[in-house]
Each structure stands twice: as structure tokens, then as C-alpha cells.
Amino acid sequence: MSSGSHETAIDEIVARCNGDIRGALKALLLVNEQLETELAQLHAAVAHGGSTGPKRSVLH
């Protein structure tokens, strides 16, 4: 992702939060927590040689 697209993404996130920077940061932190949880689950599944569940794709 280029610097310009980062700026655009930031502008879009802030706009979705009605200009509330704190709200945008909170939303990003929540999304990051969810992604970290999913990553940990994938690591655990790979470490144990198992799948991620019935017919669930590893990549969304």
C-alpha cells in the first residue's frame, strides 16, 4: 500500500466515524484485536496439523 493510499484509507476511516479521531482509533484497535485473534487461531491450527473448522477457508 502506497503512502497516498494510506492517506486515503485514513480519511475514509475517520469519515466513517463522523470525523471522530478517537472513534476511528478505537475502531482500528478493535479490528486489529480481531485480526490478532484470527491469526493466533490459524497458528494454533497449523501447529497442531488441524484445520480451521468445517469448510472454513483459511483466507477470507
C-alpha atoms as a PDB file:
ATOM      1  CA  MET A   1       0.000   0.000   0.000  1.00  0.00           C
ATOM      2  CA  SER A   2       1.441   3.335  -1.021  1.00  0.00           C
ATOM      3  CA  SER A   3       1.614   6.441   1.134  1.00  0.00           C
ATOM      4  CA  GLY A   4      -1.179   8.060  -0.874  1.00  0.00           C
ATOM      5  CA  SER A   5      -3.458   5.066  -0.426  1.00  0.00           C
ATOM      6  CA  HIS A   6      -2.666   5.086   3.307  1.00  0.00           C
ATOM      7  CA  GLU A   7      -3.820   8.688   3.474  1.00  0.00           C
ATOM      8  CA  THR A   8      -6.992   7.821   1.576  1.00  0.00           C
ATOM      9  CA  ALA A   9      -7.699   4.864   3.864  1.00  0.00           C
ATOM     10  CA  ILE A  10      -7.192   7.033   6.948  1.00  0.00           C
ATOM     11  CA  ASP A  11      -9.507   9.708   5.559  1.00  0.00           C
ATOM     12  CA  GLU A  12     -12.184   7.081   4.838  1.00  0.00           C
ATOM     13  CA  ILE A  13     -11.953   5.562   8.318  1.00  0.00           C
ATOM     14  CA  VAL A  14     -12.216   8.956  10.003  1.00  0.00           C
ATOM     15  CA  ALA A  15     -15.140   9.886   7.741  1.00  0.00           C
ATOM     16  CA  ARG A  16     -16.957   6.670   8.690  1.00  0.00           C
ATOM     17  CA  CYS A  17     -16.569   7.742  12.312  1.00  0.00           C
ATOM     18  CA  ASN A  18     -18.092  11.164  11.558  1.00  0.00           C
ATOM     19  CA  GLY A  19     -14.725  12.895  11.924  1.00  0.00           C
ATOM     20  CA  ASP A  20     -14.118  11.477  15.404  1.00  0.00           C
ATOM     21  CA  ILE A  21     -10.411  10.626  15.536  1.00  0.00           C
ATOM     22  CA  ARG A  22     -10.743   8.790  18.858  1.00  0.00           C
ATOM     23  CA  GLY A  23     -13.633   6.777  17.447  1.00  0.00           C
ATOM     24  CA  ALA A  24     -11.575   5.911  14.378  1.00  0.00           C
ATOM     25  CA  LEU A  25      -8.659   4.776  16.543  1.00  0.00           C
ATOM     26  CA  LYS A  26     -10.982   2.692  18.710  1.00  0.00           C
ATOM     27  CA  ALA A  27     -12.464   1.057  15.604  1.00  0.00           C
ATOM     28  CA  LEU A  28      -8.991   0.273  14.262  1.00  0.00           C
ATOM     29  CA  LEU A  29      -7.893  -1.190  17.590  1.00  0.00           C
ATOM     30  CA  LEU A  30     -10.963  -3.446  17.669  1.00  0.00           C
ATOM     31  CA  VAL A  31     -10.317  -4.633  14.116  1.00  0.00           C
ATOM     32  CA  ASN A  32      -6.666  -5.250  14.986  1.00  0.00           C
ATOM     33  CA  GLU A  33      -7.647  -7.321  18.045  1.00  0.00           C
ATOM     34  CA  GLN A  34      -9.947  -9.445  15.885  1.00  0.00           C
ATOM     35  CA  LEU A  35      -7.212  -9.988  13.297  1.00  0.00           C
ATOM     36  CA  GLU A  36      -4.716 -10.934  16.026  1.00  0.00           C
ATOM     37  CA  THR A  37      -7.205 -13.465  17.412  1.00  0.00           C
ATOM     38  CA  GLU A  38      -7.752 -14.989  13.973  1.00  0.00           C
ATOM     39  CA  LEU A  39      -4.009 -15.140  13.368  1.00  0.00           C
ATOM     40  CA  ALA A  40      -3.429 -16.883  16.695  1.00  0.00           C
ATOM     41  CA  GLN A  41      -6.149 -19.414  15.816  1.00  0.00           C
ATOM     42  CA  LEU A  42      -4.538 -20.082  12.444  1.00  0.00           C
ATOM     43  CA  HIS A  43      -1.118 -20.518  14.032  1.00  0.00           C
ATOM     44  CA  ALA A  44      -2.579 -22.972  16.550  1.00  0.00           C
ATOM     45  CA  ALA A  45      -4.338 -24.937  13.810  1.00  0.00           C
ATOM     46  CA  VAL A  46      -1.166 -25.175  11.743  1.00  0.00           C
ATOM     47  CA  ALA A  47       0.931 -26.114  14.787  1.00  0.00           C
ATOM     48  CA  HIS A  48      -1.450 -28.972  15.571  1.00  0.00           C
ATOM     49  CA  GLY A  49      -1.804 -30.060  11.957  1.00  0.00           C
ATOM     50  CA  GLY A  50      -5.551 -29.468  12.093  1.00  0.00           C
ATOM     51  CA  SER A  51      -7.970 -27.478  10.058  1.00  0.00           C
ATOM     52  CA  THR A  52      -9.655 -24.225  10.956  1.00  0.00           C
ATOM     53  CA  GLY A  53     -13.081 -25.845  11.032  1.00  0.00           C
ATOM     54  CA  PRO A  54     -15.568 -27.395   8.671  1.00  0.00           C
ATOM     55  CA  LYS A  55     -15.392 -25.862   5.193  1.00  0.00           C
ATOM     56  CA  ARG A  56     -13.892 -22.658   6.532  1.00  0.00           C
ATOM     57  CA  SER A  57     -11.326 -21.099   4.277  1.00  0.00           C
ATOM     58  CA  VAL A  58      -8.050 -20.052   5.880  1.00  0.00           C
ATOM     59  CA  LEU A  59      -8.049 -16.975   3.690  1.00  0.00           C
ATOM     60  CA  HIS A  60     -11.180 -14.852   3.661  1.00  0.00           C
END
